[in-house]
């Protein structure tokens, strides 16, 4: 997923504008492999809309699927995807609402489950982090902000057949760094994180 928030399991807030208007947020999802992907809203209020489109801006003509949160059910779409195809995911708040806060969860054959750890060093200097016991394809990365993006990435590593994921970056005392540990596509993992630094 690429968009104003990173991947999977991130919450965000927005304010809707004007009577009858909906402010929306868009994500871009590119399928690495073919399969079935589930897009799920959690914590959204009644009348929030989740839809999948082949183009932007969204229209009835390019809508592939759509669901609305009701009083009893959160909006959910189960979408077949084709490898290499990009899908545009729209989340729109209820009409005339003042604020809306919810979580968008994506699960499927080419999504990664991740864990985030906040790290605040007491002293500045070179910091090294290494995974132990992780599976092939597990990612370790450090960011200056959360959610993590390419722009705020400081360092990263990938577990290969030969080496565990590791990274080194220069930390500043008192600053907070956000460490992401992401398991292989569609899988689970168990590992330890080893820290060496100031």
Protein backbone atom coordinates (compact mmCIF):
# COMPACT_ATOMS: atom_id res chain seq x y z
CA UNK A 1 0.00 0.00 0.00
CA UNK A 2 1.26 3.47 -0.83
CA UNK A 3 -0.51 6.63 0.25
CA UNK A 4 -0.77 9.21 3.00
CA UNK A 5 -0.40 6.39 5.53
CA UNK A 6 1.75 3.29 5.36
CA UNK A 7 0.36 -0.12 4.99
CA UNK A 8 -1.47 -2.15 7.07
CA UNK A 9 -3.19 -1.33 10.42
CA UNK A 10 -2.71 2.47 10.53
CA UNK A 11 -5.34 4.89 11.91
CA UNK A 12 -5.97 8.38 10.57
CA UNK A 13 -8.41 11.26 11.11
CA UNK A 14 -9.97 13.77 8.78
CA UNK A 15 -12.62 16.51 8.88
CA UNK A 16 -15.45 16.39 6.32
CA UNK A 17 -16.21 19.60 4.44
CA UNK A 18 -19.65 21.12 3.93
CA UNK A 19 -23.22 19.76 4.02
CA UNK A 20 -23.57 16.50 2.15
CA UNK A 21 -19.87 16.40 1.24
CA UNK A 22 -17.42 13.57 1.86
CA UNK A 23 -13.70 14.03 2.27
CA UNK A 24 -11.84 10.96 1.10
CA UNK A 25 -8.39 9.39 1.31
CA UNK A 26 -6.82 7.33 -1.48
CA UNK A 27 -4.32 4.46 -1.34
CA UNK A 28 -2.51 2.67 -4.15
CA UNK A 29 -2.19 -1.13 -3.92
CA UNK A 30 -0.09 -3.04 -6.47
CA UNK A 31 -0.47 -6.81 -6.45
CA UNK A 32 2.82 -8.70 -6.53
CA UNK A 33 1.07 -12.03 -7.09
CA UNK A 34 -2.44 -13.01 -8.13
CA UNK A 35 -4.92 -13.95 -5.42
CA UNK A 36 -7.64 -12.67 -3.13
CA UNK A 37 -7.10 -9.51 -1.04
CA UNK A 38 -9.37 -8.37 1.79
CA UNK A 39 -9.76 -4.65 2.55
CA UNK A 40 -11.44 -4.07 5.93
CA UNK A 41 -12.48 -0.94 7.82
CA UNK A 42 -12.48 -1.09 11.61
CA UNK A 43 -13.89 1.52 13.98
CA UNK A 44 -15.61 3.51 11.23
CA UNK A 45 -19.02 5.07 11.84
CA UNK A 46 -22.19 4.28 9.92
CA UNK A 47 -22.19 5.59 6.31
CA UNK A 48 -18.39 5.49 5.82
CA UNK A 49 -17.56 4.15 2.34
CA UNK A 50 -14.83 1.79 1.15
CA UNK A 51 -14.37 1.29 -2.60
CA UNK A 52 -11.85 -0.11 -5.10
CA UNK A 53 -11.23 1.66 -8.40
CA UNK A 54 -9.20 1.21 -11.58
CA UNK A 55 -8.74 4.98 -11.95
CA UNK A 56 -8.77 8.28 -10.07
CA UNK A 57 -10.89 10.31 -9.62
CA UNK A 58 -13.32 7.57 -8.68
CA UNK A 59 -16.42 7.17 -10.82
CA UNK A 60 -19.17 4.60 -11.16
CA UNK A 61 -17.51 3.47 -14.38
CA UNK A 62 -14.13 2.68 -12.80
CA UNK A 63 -15.46 1.28 -9.51
CA UNK A 64 -14.61 -2.42 -9.15
CA UNK A 65 -16.32 -2.92 -5.80
CA UNK A 66 -17.78 -0.87 -2.96
CA UNK A 67 -19.18 -1.31 0.54
CA UNK A 68 -20.64 1.00 3.17
CA UNK A 69 -20.34 0.67 6.95
CA UNK A 70 -23.75 0.13 8.54
CA UNK A 71 -24.82 0.14 12.18
CA UNK A 72 -24.06 -3.57 12.38
CA UNK A 73 -21.17 -4.16 9.99
CA UNK A 74 -17.88 -2.52 9.07
CA UNK A 75 -17.26 -2.02 5.34
CA UNK A 76 -15.28 -4.90 3.83
CA UNK A 77 -14.30 -5.79 0.27
CA UNK A 78 -12.90 -9.15 -0.85
CA UNK A 79 -11.22 -8.41 -4.17
CA UNK A 80 -9.59 -10.79 -6.69
CA UNK A 81 -6.32 -9.22 -7.88
CA UNK A 82 -4.02 -9.78 -10.85
CA UNK A 83 -0.23 -9.77 -10.50
CA UNK A 84 1.28 -6.43 -11.56
CA UNK A 85 -2.04 -4.57 -11.54
CA UNK A 86 -2.47 -1.41 -9.45
CA UNK A 87 -5.74 -0.91 -7.60
CA UNK A 88 -6.86 2.42 -6.12
CA UNK A 89 -8.52 2.16 -2.71
CA UNK A 90 -10.85 4.97 -1.61
CA UNK A 91 -11.98 5.53 1.98
CA UNK A 92 -14.64 8.23 2.39
CA UNK A 93 -16.16 9.52 5.61
CA UNK A 94 -19.89 9.79 6.33
CA UNK A 95 -21.86 12.68 4.86
CA UNK A 96 -22.02 15.76 7.08
CA UNK A 97 -19.84 14.23 9.80
CA UNK A 98 -17.47 16.46 11.75
CA UNK A 99 -14.68 13.95 12.41
CA UNK A 100 -13.99 10.36 11.48
CA UNK A 101 -11.34 7.99 12.77
CA UNK A 102 -10.82 4.39 11.69
CA UNK A 103 -8.32 1.72 10.74
CA UNK A 104 -7.86 0.19 7.28
CA UNK A 105 -6.55 -3.37 7.31
CA UNK A 106 -5.31 -5.13 4.18
CA UNK A 107 -4.62 -8.87 4.08
CA UNK A 108 -3.76 -11.09 1.17
CA UNK A 109 -1.02 -12.94 -0.70
CA UNK A 110 1.35 -9.97 -1.02
CA UNK A 111 0.80 -7.97 2.15
CA UNK A 112 3.19 -7.81 5.08
CA UNK A 113 2.23 -7.86 8.73
CA UNK A 114 4.49 -5.56 10.71
CA UNK A 115 5.41 -4.53 14.24
CA UNK A 116 6.65 -1.06 15.21
CA UNK A 117 9.00 -0.27 18.10
CA UNK A 118 9.85 3.24 19.36
CA UNK A 119 13.53 3.72 20.26
CA UNK A 120 14.86 6.77 22.14
CA UNK A 121 18.63 6.63 22.84
CA UNK A 122 20.01 8.22 26.00
CA UNK A 123 23.22 9.13 24.16
CA UNK A 124 24.08 9.89 20.56
CA UNK A 125 26.23 7.78 18.27
CA UNK A 126 26.31 4.87 15.88
CA UNK A 127 23.45 2.41 16.46
CA UNK A 128 23.26 -1.10 15.02
CA UNK A 129 20.23 -3.39 14.99
CA UNK A 130 20.12 -7.03 13.88
CA UNK A 131 17.36 -9.63 13.71
CA UNK A 132 17.96 -13.12 15.04
CA UNK A 133 15.98 -16.15 13.88
CA UNK A 134 13.92 -14.30 11.25
CA UNK A 135 12.67 -15.93 8.05
CA UNK A 136 13.81 -15.24 4.51
CA UNK A 137 12.35 -11.93 3.29
CA UNK A 138 11.80 -10.31 6.70
CA UNK A 139 12.44 -6.54 6.64
CA UNK A 140 14.04 -4.38 9.33
CA UNK A 141 13.95 -0.59 8.87
CA UNK A 142 14.40 2.63 10.88
CA UNK A 143 12.34 5.78 10.35
CA UNK A 144 12.35 9.32 11.70
CA UNK A 145 8.54 9.40 11.79
CA UNK A 146 5.53 7.13 11.82
CA UNK A 147 3.97 5.98 9.57
CA UNK A 148 7.10 4.93 7.74
CA UNK A 149 7.69 6.16 4.21
CA UNK A 150 10.58 6.16 1.77
CA UNK A 151 11.14 9.84 2.60
CA UNK A 152 11.59 9.27 6.35
CA UNK A 153 13.56 6.03 6.07
CA UNK A 154 17.01 6.18 7.73
CA UNK A 155 18.29 2.64 7.20
CA UNK A 156 17.08 -0.85 6.43
CA UNK A 157 17.95 -4.47 5.89
CA UNK A 158 16.47 -7.70 4.52
CA UNK A 159 16.93 -11.26 5.77
CA UNK A 160 18.48 -13.36 2.98
CA UNK A 161 19.54 -17.00 2.70
CA UNK A 162 22.95 -15.98 4.08
CA UNK A 163 22.38 -13.07 6.48
CA UNK A 164 19.84 -11.87 9.03
CA UNK A 165 18.43 -8.38 8.40
CA UNK A 166 20.63 -5.70 9.97
CA UNK A 167 21.14 -1.95 9.76
CA UNK A 168 23.29 0.86 11.16
CA UNK A 169 22.45 4.53 11.53
CA UNK A 170 23.62 7.53 13.55
CA UNK A 171 21.24 8.30 16.42
CA UNK A 172 20.84 11.58 18.29
CA UNK A 173 20.28 11.55 22.06
CA UNK A 174 16.66 12.25 22.99
CA UNK A 175 15.27 11.78 19.47
CA UNK A 176 12.65 9.09 18.87
CA UNK A 177 13.23 6.56 16.10
CA UNK A 178 10.55 4.24 14.77
CA UNK A 179 11.72 0.71 14.03
CA UNK A 180 9.67 -1.45 11.66
CA UNK A 181 9.85 -5.24 11.57
CA UNK A 182 7.85 -6.67 8.64
CA UNK A 183 7.38 -10.38 8.01
CA UNK A 184 7.43 -12.00 4.54
CA UNK A 185 4.44 -11.52 2.20
CA UNK A 186 1.37 -13.36 3.46
CA UNK A 187 3.25 -15.04 6.30
CA UNK A 188 4.10 -14.92 9.99
CA UNK A 189 7.45 -14.92 11.75
CA UNK A 190 9.12 -15.13 15.13
CA UNK A 191 12.44 -13.42 15.84
CA UNK A 192 14.53 -11.39 18.27
CA UNK A 193 15.83 -7.85 17.74
CA UNK A 194 19.38 -7.18 18.94
CA UNK A 195 20.51 -3.61 19.62
CA UNK A 196 24.06 -2.32 19.94
CA UNK A 197 24.77 1.34 20.40
CA UNK A 198 25.05 4.26 22.81
